[in-house]
C-alpha cells in the first residue's frame, strides 16, 4: 500500500461542480451502488477509520467528498446509485451531479 495515502485529509464536500477543488492534478473517484463500501474503501486505503463517513443506512453520502492525498492527488467519494432512503428528487439531483462530474472532470 502506498504510504502517501496514509497522509490523506478531508478537503471539502461539494454539492455541485462550482464548489469543487480546482480541476488539476489527478483524482480517483469511488463510485458504486448505495452502501457498497465506497467510503469504507477510502478508510481502508488511508488506514484512517473515520476519514470518510460511513453508515449502515444507504444514502448517507450526499455530496462529492474530496480527500487530499498530496498536492496533486485526491480521492473522491461519490454518492451511491440505486436504493437510498431519500426522496426521488434528491436521488435525481445526485445522478445529475455524478453524470456531469464523470463526463466533464478532466482530473478524473
Foldseek 3Di string as FASTA:
>chain_A
DDQLLLVKAWDDFDLAPVPDDDLFAAEAEQEEAWPPCSQVVSCVSNVNRPRRPDDPATFPRQTWTWIDSDPRYIYTYAHYDDDHPDDPVSNVSSVVRVVCCVVPRPRD
